[in-house]
């Protein structure tokens, strides 16, 4: 488990739901910004919602780069994630991020 996963796991233990949502989204937003400092991360007021993104990524200095909708998921169940992915419009190029550990499946 890396430091981001540890931080998210700790935030998920927060007893106050609103505070937990805020902490998790802040951790993910900081991580996305570290991965690409040119990206602007906008958090929505939603969390783990089927049709509304939790965050939106934009690249203001790159107008031809399409924005990306980020959907945070508290499940690591592959069937649930696939179902969510099929429900979202593929034209939006959604990104599903699970906050849980995906099971290891050897090839």
PDB file of N, CA and C in Angstrom:
ATOM      1  N   UNK A   1       0.847  -1.168   0.000  1.00  0.00           N
ATOM      2  CA  UNK A   1       0.000   0.000   0.000  1.00  0.00           C
ATOM      3  C   UNK A   1       0.897   1.237   0.000  1.00  0.00           C
ATOM      4  N   UNK A   2       0.662   2.153  -0.939  1.00  0.00           N
ATOM      5  CA  UNK A   2       1.484   3.363  -1.001  1.00  0.00           C
ATOM      6  C   UNK A   2       0.910   4.459  -0.107  1.00  0.00           C
ATOM      7  N   UNK A   3       1.599   5.582  -0.042  1.00  0.00           N
ATOM      8  CA  UNK A   3       1.213   6.676   0.858  1.00  0.00           C
ATOM      9  C   UNK A   3      -0.158   7.257   0.514  1.00  0.00           C
ATOM     10  N   UNK A   4      -0.492   7.332  -0.775  1.00  0.00           N
ATOM     11  CA  UNK A   4      -1.807   7.856  -1.178  1.00  0.00           C
ATOM     12  C   UNK A   4      -2.903   6.899  -0.708  1.00  0.00           C
ATOM     13  N   UNK A   5      -2.691   5.613  -0.924  1.00  0.00           N
ATOM     14  CA  UNK A   5      -3.674   4.616  -0.476  1.00  0.00           C
ATOM     15  C   UNK A   5      -3.841   4.659   1.040  1.00  0.00           C
ATOM     16  N   UNK A   6      -2.744   4.804   1.761  1.00  0.00           N
ATOM     17  CA  UNK A   6      -2.809   4.888   3.224  1.00  0.00           C
ATOM     18  C   UNK A   6      -3.587   6.128   3.663  1.00  0.00           C
ATOM     19  N   UNK A   7      -3.308   7.249   3.017  1.00  0.00           N
ATOM     20  CA  UNK A   7      -4.006   8.493   3.363  1.00  0.00           C
ATOM     21  C   UNK A   7      -5.499   8.381   3.092  1.00  0.00           C
ATOM     22  N   UNK A   8      -5.860   7.778   1.976  1.00  0.00           N
ATOM     23  CA  UNK A   8      -7.277   7.603   1.643  1.00  0.00           C
ATOM     24  C   UNK A   8      -7.938   6.662   2.644  1.00  0.00           C
ATOM     25  N   UNK A   9      -7.270   5.575   2.983  1.00  0.00           N
ATOM     26  CA  UNK A   9      -7.824   4.626   3.954  1.00  0.00           C
ATOM     27  C   UNK A   9      -8.065   5.313   5.295  1.00  0.00           C
ATOM     28  N   UNK A  10      -7.134   6.138   5.723  1.00  0.00           N
ATOM     29  CA  UNK A  10      -7.312   6.871   6.982  1.00  0.00           C
ATOM     30  C   UNK A  10      -8.485   7.842   6.876  1.00  0.00           C
ATOM     31  N   UNK A  11      -8.587   8.534   5.759  1.00  0.00           N
ATOM     32  CA  UNK A  11      -9.687   9.483   5.569  1.00  0.00           C
ATOM     33  C   UNK A  11     -11.035   8.765   5.544  1.00  0.00           C
ATOM     34  N   UNK A  12     -11.072   7.561   4.973  1.00  0.00           N
ATOM     35  CA  UNK A  12     -12.318   6.793   4.897  1.00  0.00           C
ATOM     36  C   UNK A  12     -12.805   6.371   6.288  1.00  0.00           C
ATOM     37  N   UNK A  13     -11.914   6.366   7.272  1.00  0.00           N
ATOM     38  CA  UNK A  13     -12.294   6.018   8.642  1.00  0.00           C
ATOM     39  C   UNK A  13     -12.911   7.191   9.398  1.00  0.00           C
ATOM     40  N   UNK A  14     -12.935   8.356   8.781  1.00  0.00           N
ATOM     41  CA  UNK A  14     -13.506   9.551   9.406  1.00  0.00           C
ATOM     42  C   UNK A  14     -14.986   9.294   9.712  1.00  0.00           C
ATOM     43  N   UNK A  15     -15.419   9.474  10.974  1.00  0.00           N
ATOM     44  CA  UNK A  15     -16.812   9.183  11.317  1.00  0.00           C
ATOM     45  C   UNK A  15     -17.831  10.167  10.712  1.00  0.00           C
ATOM     46  N   UNK A  16     -17.431  11.393  10.462  1.00  0.00           N
ATOM     47  CA  UNK A  16     -18.339  12.381   9.872  1.00  0.00           C
ATOM     48  C   UNK A  16     -18.265  12.254   8.352  1.00  0.00           C
ATOM     49  N   UNK A  17     -19.395  11.901   7.725  1.00  0.00           N
ATOM     50  CA  UNK A  17     -19.407  11.661   6.279  1.00  0.00           C
ATOM     51  C   UNK A  17     -18.923  12.859   5.469  1.00  0.00           C
ATOM     52  N   UNK A  18     -19.410  14.050   5.800  1.00  0.00           N
ATOM     53  CA  UNK A  18     -19.009  15.245   5.039  1.00  0.00           C
ATOM     54  C   UNK A  18     -17.501  15.473   5.124  1.00  0.00           C
ATOM     55  N   UNK A  19     -16.952  15.309   6.332  1.00  0.00           N
ATOM     56  CA  UNK A  19     -15.513  15.484   6.516  1.00  0.00           C
ATOM     57  C   UNK A  19     -14.743  14.405   5.754  1.00  0.00           C
ATOM     58  N   UNK A  20     -15.276  13.179   5.760  1.00  0.00           N
ATOM     59  CA  UNK A  20     -14.630  12.088   5.030  1.00  0.00           C
ATOM     60  C   UNK A  20     -14.604  12.400   3.538  1.00  0.00           C
ATOM     61  N   UNK A  21     -15.749  12.835   2.970  1.00  0.00           N
ATOM     62  CA  UNK A  21     -15.805  13.176   1.551  1.00  0.00           C
ATOM     63  C   UNK A  21     -14.756  14.233   1.225  1.00  0.00           C
ATOM     64  N   UNK A  22     -14.710  15.269   2.049  1.00  0.00           N
ATOM     65  CA  UNK A  22     -13.781  16.378   1.822  1.00  0.00           C
ATOM     66  C   UNK A  22     -12.339  15.907   1.878  1.00  0.00           C
ATOM     67  N   UNK A  23     -12.005  15.135   2.886  1.00  0.00           N
ATOM     68  CA  UNK A  23     -10.624  14.654   3.030  1.00  0.00           C
ATOM     69  C   UNK A  23     -10.209  13.765   1.857  1.00  0.00           C
ATOM     70  N   UNK A  24     -11.075  12.831   1.486  1.00  0.00           N
ATOM     71  CA  UNK A  24     -10.753  11.922   0.379  1.00  0.00           C
ATOM     72  C   UNK A  24     -10.554  12.712  -0.912  1.00  0.00           C
ATOM     73  N   UNK A  25     -11.474  13.610  -1.199  1.00  0.00           N
ATOM     74  CA  UNK A  25     -11.381  14.377  -2.442  1.00  0.00           C
ATOM     75  C   UNK A  25     -10.145  15.270  -2.446  1.00  0.00           C
ATOM     76  N   UNK A  26      -9.792  15.852  -1.304  1.00  0.00           N
ATOM     77  CA  UNK A  26      -8.579  16.676  -1.223  1.00  0.00           C
ATOM     78  C   UNK A  26      -7.331  15.840  -1.497  1.00  0.00           C
ATOM     79  N   UNK A  27      -7.284  14.642  -0.947  1.00  0.00           N
ATOM     80  CA  UNK A  27      -6.130  13.750  -1.166  1.00  0.00           C
ATOM     81  C   UNK A  27      -6.014  13.396  -2.645  1.00  0.00           C
ATOM     82  N   UNK A  28      -7.128  13.001  -3.243  1.00  0.00           N
ATOM     83  CA  UNK A  28      -7.116  12.622  -4.664  1.00  0.00           C
ATOM     84  C   UNK A  28      -6.750  13.827  -5.531  1.00  0.00           C
ATOM     85  N   UNK A  29      -7.317  14.985  -5.225  1.00  0.00           N
ATOM     86  CA  UNK A  29      -7.028  16.198  -6.011  1.00  0.00           C
ATOM     87  C   UNK A  29      -5.546  16.552  -5.927  1.00  0.00           C
ATOM     88  N   UNK A  30      -4.964  16.479  -4.743  1.00  0.00           N
ATOM     89  CA  UNK A  30      -3.525  16.777  -4.600  1.00  0.00           C
ATOM     90  C   UNK A  30      -2.681  15.784  -5.396  1.00  0.00           C
ATOM     91  N   UNK A  31      -3.076  14.517  -5.356  1.00  0.00           N
ATOM     92  CA  UNK A  31      -2.328  13.494  -6.095  1.00  0.00           C
ATOM     93  C   UNK A  31      -2.429  13.735  -7.611  1.00  0.00           C
ATOM     94  N   UNK A  32      -3.626  14.055  -8.093  1.00  0.00           N
ATOM     95  CA  UNK A  32      -3.785  14.332  -9.524  1.00  0.00           C
ATOM     96  C   UNK A  32      -2.964  15.556  -9.938  1.00  0.00           C
ATOM     97  N   UNK A  33      -2.933  16.573  -9.099  1.00  0.00           N
ATOM     98  CA  UNK A  33      -2.156  17.783  -9.392  1.00  0.00           C
ATOM     99  C   UNK A  33      -0.662  17.476  -9.406  1.00  0.00           C
ATOM    100  N   UNK A  34      -0.221  16.611  -8.506  1.00  0.00           N
ATOM    101  CA  UNK A  34       1.200  16.210  -8.518  1.00  0.00           C
ATOM    102  C   UNK A  34       1.533  15.431  -9.790  1.00  0.00           C
ATOM    103  N   UNK A  35       0.584  14.609 -10.259  1.00  0.00           N
ATOM    104  CA  UNK A  35       0.824  13.832 -11.477  1.00  0.00           C
ATOM    105  C   UNK A  35       0.908  14.729 -12.702  1.00  0.00           C
ATOM    106  N   UNK A  36       0.085  15.798 -12.729  1.00  0.00           N
ATOM    107  CA  UNK A  36       0.124  16.734 -13.855  1.00  0.00           C
ATOM    108  C   UNK A  36      -0.155  18.139 -13.339  1.00  0.00           C
ATOM    109  N   UNK A  37       0.888  18.890 -13.019  1.00  0.00           N
ATOM    110  CA  UNK A  37       0.705  20.238 -12.463  1.00  0.00           C
ATOM    111  C   UNK A  37      -0.038  21.199 -13.400  1.00  0.00           C
ATOM    112  N   UNK A  38      -0.112  20.882 -14.690  1.00  0.00           N
ATOM    113  CA  UNK A  38      -0.835  21.752 -15.633  1.00  0.00           C
ATOM    114  C   UNK A  38      -2.346  21.576 -15.542  1.00  0.00           C
ATOM    115  N   UNK A  39      -2.768  20.493 -14.904  1.00  0.00           N
ATOM    116  CA  UNK A  39      -4.203  20.207 -14.804  1.00  0.00           C
ATOM    117  C   UNK A  39      -4.847  21.032 -13.699  1.00  0.00           C
ATOM    118  N   UNK A  40      -6.066  21.453 -13.970  1.00  0.00           N
ATOM    119  CA  UNK A  40      -6.873  22.142 -12.964  1.00  0.00           C
ATOM    120  C   UNK A  40      -7.913  21.133 -12.483  1.00  0.00           C
ATOM    121  N   UNK A  41      -7.924  20.869 -11.181  1.00  0.00           N
ATOM    122  CA  UNK A  41      -8.858  19.914 -10.599  1.00  0.00           C
ATOM    123  C   UNK A  41      -9.975  20.696  -9.915  1.00  0.00           C
ATOM    124  N   UNK A  42     -11.196  20.451 -10.347  1.00  0.00           N
ATOM    125  CA  UNK A  42     -12.368  21.081  -9.730  1.00  0.00           C
ATOM    126  C   UNK A  42     -13.181  19.993  -9.051  1.00  0.00           C
ATOM    127  N   UNK A  43     -13.413  20.174  -7.766  1.00  0.00           N
ATOM    128  CA  UNK A  43     -14.214  19.216  -7.012  1.00  0.00           C
ATOM    129  C   UNK A  43     -15.682  19.613  -7.080  1.00  0.00           C
ATOM    130  N   UNK A  44     -16.541  18.616  -7.247  1.00  0.00           N
ATOM    131  CA  UNK A  44     -17.980  18.870  -7.216  1.00  0.00           C
ATOM    132  C   UNK A  44     -18.480  18.633  -5.796  1.00  0.00           C
ATOM    133  N   UNK A  45     -19.739  18.900  -5.564  1.00  0.00           N
ATOM    134  CA  UNK A  45     -20.302  18.675  -4.234  1.00  0.00           C
ATOM    135  C   UNK A  45     -20.782  17.240  -4.054  1.00  0.00           C
ATOM    136  N   UNK A  46     -20.571  16.402  -5.043  1.00  0.00           N
ATOM    137  CA  UNK A  46     -21.056  15.020  -5.000  1.00  0.00           C
ATOM    138  C   UNK A  46     -19.941  14.069  -4.613  1.00  0.00           C
ATOM    139  N   UNK A  47     -20.345  12.869  -4.158  1.00  0.00           N
ATOM    140  CA  UNK A  47     -19.371  11.841  -3.788  1.00  0.00           C
ATOM    141  C   UNK A  47     -19.979  10.473  -4.053  1.00  0.00           C
ATOM    142  N   UNK A  48     -19.246   9.656  -4.820  1.00  0.00           N
ATOM    143  CA  UNK A  48     -19.647   8.281  -5.082  1.00  0.00           C
ATOM    144  C   UNK A  48     -21.053   8.218  -5.679  1.00  0.00           C
ATOM    145  N   UNK A  49     -21.350   9.127  -6.585  1.00  0.00           N
ATOM    146  CA  UNK A  49     -22.657   9.211  -7.232  1.00  0.00           C
ATOM    147  C   UNK A  49     -22.551   8.572  -8.613  1.00  0.00           C
ATOM    148  N   UNK A  50     -23.575   7.887  -9.025  1.00  0.00           N
ATOM    149  CA  UNK A  50     -23.506   7.131 -10.280  1.00  0.00           C
ATOM    150  C   UNK A  50     -23.325   7.998 -11.515  1.00  0.00           C
ATOM    151  N   UNK A  51     -24.050   9.111 -11.627  1.00  0.00           N
ATOM    152  CA  UNK A  51     -24.048   9.858 -12.885  1.00  0.00           C
ATOM    153  C   UNK A  51     -23.395  11.233 -12.813  1.00  0.00           C
ATOM    154  N   UNK A  52     -22.974  11.650 -11.646  1.00  0.00           N
ATOM    155  CA  UNK A  52     -22.384  12.980 -11.496  1.00  0.00           C
ATOM    156  C   UNK A  52     -20.935  12.807 -11.051  1.00  0.00           C
ATOM    157  N   UNK A  53     -20.002  13.443 -11.743  1.00  0.00           N
ATOM    158  CA  UNK A  53     -18.592  13.253 -11.377  1.00  0.00           C
ATOM    159  C   UNK A  53     -18.262  13.877 -10.025  1.00  0.00           C
ATOM    160  N   UNK A  54     -17.261  13.306  -9.380  1.00  0.00           N
ATOM    161  CA  UNK A  54     -16.757  13.833  -8.112  1.00  0.00           C
ATOM    162  C   UNK A  54     -15.770  14.966  -8.356  1.00  0.00           C
ATOM    163  N   UNK A  55     -15.128  14.910  -9.511  1.00  0.00           N
ATOM    164  CA  UNK A  55     -14.139  15.920  -9.874  1.00  0.00           C
ATOM    165  C   UNK A  55     -14.122  16.070 -11.394  1.00  0.00           C
ATOM    166  N   UNK A  56     -13.625  17.227 -11.822  1.00  0.00           N
ATOM    167  CA  UNK A  56     -13.450  17.476 -13.244  1.00  0.00           C
ATOM    168  C   UNK A  56     -12.015  17.948 -13.441  1.00  0.00           C
ATOM    169  N   UNK A  57     -11.342  17.357 -14.424  1.00  0.00           N
ATOM    170  CA  UNK A  57      -9.981  17.772 -14.779  1.00  0.00           C
ATOM    171  C   UNK A  57     -10.035  18.580 -16.057  1.00  0.00           C
ATOM    172  N   UNK A  58      -9.416  19.757 -16.016  1.00  0.00           N
ATOM    173  CA  UNK A  58      -9.300  20.619 -17.191  1.00  0.00           C
ATOM    174  C   UNK A  58      -7.833  20.981 -17.365  1.00  0.00           C
ATOM    175  N   UNK A  59      -7.486  21.330 -18.571  1.00  0.00           N
ATOM    176  CA  UNK A  59      -6.147  21.814 -18.872  1.00  0.00           C
ATOM    177  C   UNK A  59      -6.290  23.184 -19.531  1.00  0.00           C
ATOM    178  N   UNK A  60      -6.335  24.254 -18.715  1.00  0.00           N
ATOM    179  CA  UNK A  60      -6.580  25.603 -19.257  1.00  0.00           C
ATOM    180  C   UNK A  60      -5.577  26.029 -20.324  1.00  0.00           C
ATOM    181  N   UNK A  61      -4.340  25.620 -20.208  1.00  0.00           N
ATOM    182  CA  UNK A  61      -3.328  25.992 -21.189  1.00  0.00           C
ATOM    183  C   UNK A  61      -3.351  25.134 -22.434  1.00  0.00           C
ATOM    184  N   UNK A  62      -4.235  24.157 -22.464  1.00  0.00           N
ATOM    185  CA  UNK A  62      -4.330  23.255 -23.611  1.00  0.00           C
ATOM    186  C   UNK A  62      -5.792  23.126 -24.028  1.00  0.00           C
ATOM    187  N   UNK A  63      -6.312  24.105 -24.751  1.00  0.00           N
ATOM    188  CA  UNK A  63      -7.742  24.133 -25.074  1.00  0.00           C
ATOM    189  C   UNK A  63      -8.233  22.932 -25.893  1.00  0.00           C
ATOM    190  N   UNK A  64      -7.343  22.253 -26.570  1.00  0.00           N
ATOM    191  CA  UNK A  64      -7.771  21.098 -27.370  1.00  0.00           C
ATOM    192  C   UNK A  64      -7.812  19.803 -26.554  1.00  0.00           C
ATOM    193  N   UNK A  65      -7.295  19.856 -25.352  1.00  0.00           N
ATOM    194  CA  UNK A  65      -7.327  18.673 -24.492  1.00  0.00           C
ATOM    195  C   UNK A  65      -8.690  18.619 -23.811  1.00  0.00           C
ATOM    196  N   UNK A  66      -9.449  17.550 -24.061  1.00  0.00           N
ATOM    197  CA  UNK A  66     -10.798  17.490 -23.489  1.00  0.00           C
ATOM    198  C   UNK A  66     -10.762  17.323 -21.971  1.00  0.00           C
ATOM    199  N   UNK A  67     -11.750  17.894 -21.324  1.00  0.00           N
ATOM    200  CA  UNK A  67     -11.841  17.719 -19.882  1.00  0.00           C
ATOM    201  C   UNK A  67     -12.200  16.272 -19.575  1.00  0.00           C
ATOM    202  N   UNK A  68     -11.844  15.856 -18.381  1.00  0.00           N
ATOM    203  CA  UNK A  68     -12.121  14.485 -17.958  1.00  0.00           C
ATOM    204  C   UNK A  68     -12.949  14.515 -16.687  1.00  0.00           C
ATOM    205  N   UNK A  69     -13.934  13.665 -16.637  1.00  0.00           N
ATOM    206  CA  UNK A  69     -14.769  13.530 -15.449  1.00  0.00           C
ATOM    207  C   UNK A  69     -14.232  12.381 -14.608  1.00  0.00           C
ATOM    208  N   UNK A  70     -14.009  12.651 -13.335  1.00  0.00           N
ATOM    209  CA  UNK A  70     -13.461  11.666 -12.405  1.00  0.00           C
ATOM    210  C   UNK A  70     -14.585  11.206 -11.479  1.00  0.00           C
ATOM    211  N   UNK A  71     -14.771   9.901 -11.408  1.00  0.00           N
ATOM    212  CA  UNK A  71     -15.783   9.300 -10.545  1.00  0.00           C
ATOM    213  C   UNK A  71     -15.072   8.448  -9.501  1.00  0.00           C
ATOM    214  N   UNK A  72     -15.202   8.816  -8.240  1.00  0.00           N
ATOM    215  CA  UNK A  72     -14.605   8.048  -7.155  1.00  0.00           C
ATOM    216  C   UNK A  72     -15.580   6.951  -6.754  1.00  0.00           C
ATOM    217  N   UNK A  73     -15.046   5.776  -6.527  1.00  0.00           N
ATOM    218  CA  UNK A  73     -15.885   4.646  -6.148  1.00  0.00           C
ATOM    219  C   UNK A  73     -15.350   4.017  -4.864  1.00  0.00           C
ATOM    220  N   UNK A  74     -16.247   3.748  -3.936  1.00  0.00           N
ATOM    221  CA  UNK A  74     -15.851   3.128  -2.674  1.00  0.00           C
ATOM    222  C   UNK A  74     -15.782   1.615  -2.791  1.00  0.00           C
ATOM    223  N   UNK A  75     -16.164   1.083  -3.912  1.00  0.00           N
ATOM    224  CA  UNK A  75     -16.123  -0.361  -4.119  1.00  0.00           C
ATOM    225  C   UNK A  75     -14.882  -0.749  -4.929  1.00  0.00           C
ATOM    226  N   UNK A  76     -14.451  -1.979  -4.721  1.00  0.00           N
ATOM    227  CA  UNK A  76     -13.391  -2.538  -5.553  1.00  0.00           C
ATOM    228  C   UNK A  76     -13.924  -3.752  -6.318  1.00  0.00           C
ATOM    229  N   UNK A  77     -15.235  -3.951  -6.265  1.00  0.00           N
ATOM    230  CA  UNK A  77     -15.861  -5.074  -6.942  1.00  0.00           C
ATOM    231  C   UNK A  77     -15.872  -4.814  -8.446  1.00  0.00           C
ATOM    232  N   UNK A  78     -15.218  -5.678  -9.185  1.00  0.00           N
ATOM    233  CA  UNK A  78     -15.053  -5.480 -10.629  1.00  0.00           C
ATOM    234  C   UNK A  78     -16.391  -5.398 -11.357  1.00  0.00           C
ATOM    235  N   UNK A  79     -17.358  -6.217 -10.958  1.00  0.00           N
ATOM    236  CA  UNK A  79     -18.678  -6.189 -11.630  1.00  0.00           C
ATOM    237  C   UNK A  79     -19.373  -4.846 -11.416  1.00  0.00           C
ATOM    238  N   UNK A  80     -19.291  -4.323 -10.198  1.00  0.00           N
ATOM    239  CA  UNK A  80     -19.916  -3.024  -9.928  1.00  0.00           C
ATOM    240  C   UNK A  80     -19.232  -1.910 -10.713  1.00  0.00           C
ATOM    241  N   UNK A  81     -17.910  -1.959 -10.778  1.00  0.00           N
ATOM    242  CA  UNK A  81     -17.166  -0.947 -11.520  1.00  0.00           C
ATOM    243  C   UNK A  81     -17.483  -1.011 -13.011  1.00  0.00           C
ATOM    244  N   UNK A  82     -17.550  -2.223 -13.556  1.00  0.00           N
ATOM    245  CA  UNK A  82     -17.895  -2.377 -14.970  1.00  0.00           C
ATOM    246  C   UNK A  82     -19.314  -1.878 -15.243  1.00  0.00           C
ATOM    247  N   UNK A  83     -20.238  -2.167 -14.331  1.00  0.00           N
ATOM    248  CA  UNK A  83     -21.614  -1.699 -14.487  1.00  0.00           C
ATOM    249  C   UNK A  83     -21.654  -0.171 -14.493  1.00  0.00           C
ATOM    250  N   UNK A  84     -20.931   0.447 -13.559  1.00  0.00           N
ATOM    251  CA  UNK A  84     -20.865   1.909 -13.528  1.00  0.00           C
ATOM    252  C   UNK A  84     -20.289   2.458 -14.828  1.00  0.00           C
ATOM    253  N   UNK A  85     -19.235   1.835 -15.306  1.00  0.00           N
ATOM    254  CA  UNK A  85     -18.586   2.310 -16.520  1.00  0.00           C
ATOM    255  C   UNK A  85     -19.524   2.228 -17.721  1.00  0.00           C
ATOM    256  N   UNK A  86     -20.332   1.182 -17.779  1.00  0.00           N
ATOM    257  CA  UNK A  86     -21.294   1.039 -18.885  1.00  0.00           C
ATOM    258  C   UNK A  86     -22.422   2.051 -18.798  1.00  0.00           C
ATOM    259  N   UNK A  87     -22.730   2.531 -17.613  1.00  0.00           N
ATOM    260  CA  UNK A  87     -23.812   3.505 -17.431  1.00  0.00           C
ATOM    261  C   UNK A  87     -23.385   4.929 -17.788  1.00  0.00           C
ATOM    262  N   UNK A  88     -22.090   5.177 -17.788  1.00  0.00           N
ATOM    263  CA  UNK A  88     -21.590   6.523 -18.069  1.00  0.00           C
ATOM    264  C   UNK A  88     -21.371   6.691 -19.571  1.00  0.00           C
ATOM    265  N   UNK A  89     -21.652   7.880 -20.097  1.00  0.00           N
ATOM    266  CA  UNK A  89     -21.460   8.091 -21.542  1.00  0.00           C
ATOM    267  C   UNK A  89     -19.976   8.004 -21.908  1.00  0.00           C
ATOM    268  N   UNK A  90     -19.659   7.111 -22.811  1.00  0.00           N
ATOM    269  CA  UNK A  90     -18.251   6.920 -23.198  1.00  0.00           C
ATOM    270  C   UNK A  90     -17.685   8.154 -23.899  1.00  0.00           C
ATOM    271  N   UNK A  91     -18.554   8.973 -24.469  1.00  0.00           N
ATOM    272  CA  UNK A  91     -18.081  10.186 -25.148  1.00  0.00           C
ATOM    273  C   UNK A  91     -17.435  11.153 -24.157  1.00  0.00           C
ATOM    274  N   UNK A  92     -17.802  11.041 -22.872  1.00  0.00           N
ATOM    275  CA  UNK A  92     -17.196  11.893 -21.845  1.00  0.00           C
ATOM    276  C   UNK A  92     -15.842  11.362 -21.372  1.00  0.00           C
ATOM    277  N   UNK A  93     -15.476  10.168 -21.844  1.00  0.00           N
ATOM    278  CA  UNK A  93     -14.216   9.524 -21.448  1.00  0.00           C
ATOM    279  C   UNK A  93     -14.057   9.517 -19.923  1.00  0.00           C
ATOM    280  N   UNK A  94     -15.030   8.928 -19.203  1.00  0.00           N
ATOM    281  CA  UNK A  94     -14.997   8.956 -17.742  1.00  0.00           C
ATOM    282  C   UNK A  94     -13.817   8.172 -17.180  1.00  0.00           C
ATOM    283  N   UNK A  95     -13.381   8.595 -16.014  1.00  0.00           N
ATOM    284  CA  UNK A  95     -12.316   7.906 -15.286  1.00  0.00           C
ATOM    285  C   UNK A  95     -12.909   7.447 -13.964  1.00  0.00           C
ATOM    286  N   UNK A  96     -12.924   6.145 -13.737  1.00  0.00           N
ATOM    287  CA  UNK A  96     -13.381   5.601 -12.465  1.00  0.00           C
ATOM    288  C   UNK A  96     -12.154   5.286 -11.617  1.00  0.00           C
ATOM    289  N   UNK A  97     -12.132   5.825 -10.412  1.00  0.00           N
ATOM    290  CA  UNK A  97     -11.048   5.546  -9.477  1.00  0.00           C
ATOM    291  C   UNK A  97     -11.632   4.841  -8.272  1.00  0.00           C
ATOM    292  N   UNK A  98     -11.193   3.626  -8.026  1.00  0.00           N
ATOM    293  CA  UNK A  98     -11.657   2.925  -6.848  1.00  0.00           C
ATOM    294  C   UNK A  98     -10.828   3.357  -5.652  1.00  0.00           C
ATOM    295  N   UNK A  99     -11.490   3.523  -4.530  1.00  0.00           N
ATOM    296  CA  UNK A  99     -10.803   3.905  -3.303  1.00  0.00           C
ATOM    297  C   UNK A  99     -10.419   2.667  -2.499  1.00  0.00           C
ATOM    298  N   UNK A 100     -10.842   1.505  -2.980  1.00  0.00           N
ATOM    299  CA  UNK A 100     -10.499   0.248  -2.324  1.00  0.00           C
ATOM    300  C   UNK A 100      -9.379  -0.457  -3.060  1.00  0.00           C
ATOM    301  N   UNK A 101      -8.968  -1.574  -2.511  1.00  0.00           N
ATOM    302  CA  UNK A 101      -7.913  -2.374  -3.134  1.00  0.00           C
ATOM    303  C   UNK A 101      -8.537  -3.323  -4.148  1.00  0.00           C
ATOM    304  N   UNK A 102      -8.073  -3.270  -5.373  1.00  0.00           N
ATOM    305  CA  UNK A 102      -8.518  -4.232  -6.367  1.00  0.00           C
ATOM    306  C   UNK A 102      -7.860  -5.576  -6.068  1.00  0.00           C
ATOM    307  N   UNK A 103      -8.607  -6.648  -6.217  1.00  0.00           N
ATOM    308  CA  UNK A 103      -8.010  -7.964  -5.939  1.00  0.00           C
ATOM    309  C   UNK A 103      -6.945  -8.300  -6.985  1.00  0.00           C
ATOM    310  N   UNK A 104      -5.911  -8.970  -6.534  1.00  0.00           N
ATOM    311  CA  UNK A 104      -4.827  -9.393  -7.428  1.00  0.00           C
ATOM    312  C   UNK A 104      -5.283 -10.636  -8.185  1.00  0.00           C
ATOM    313  N   UNK A 105      -5.180 -10.576  -9.506  1.00  0.00           N
ATOM    314  CA  UNK A 105      -5.515 -11.729 -10.323  1.00  0.00           C
ATOM    315  C   UNK A 105      -4.324 -12.047 -11.219  1.00  0.00           C
ATOM    316  N   UNK A 106      -3.630 -13.135 -10.945  1.00  0.00           N
ATOM    317  CA  UNK A 106      -2.472 -13.490 -11.777  1.00  0.00           C
ATOM    318  C   UNK A 106      -2.901 -13.841 -13.180  1.00  0.00           C
ATOM    319  N   UNK A 107      -2.033 -13.572 -14.118  1.00  0.00           N
ATOM    320  CA  UNK A 107      -2.342 -13.853 -15.526  1.00  0.00           C
ATOM    321  C   UNK A 107      -1.852 -15.203 -15.934  1.00  0.00           C
TER     322      UNK A 107
END
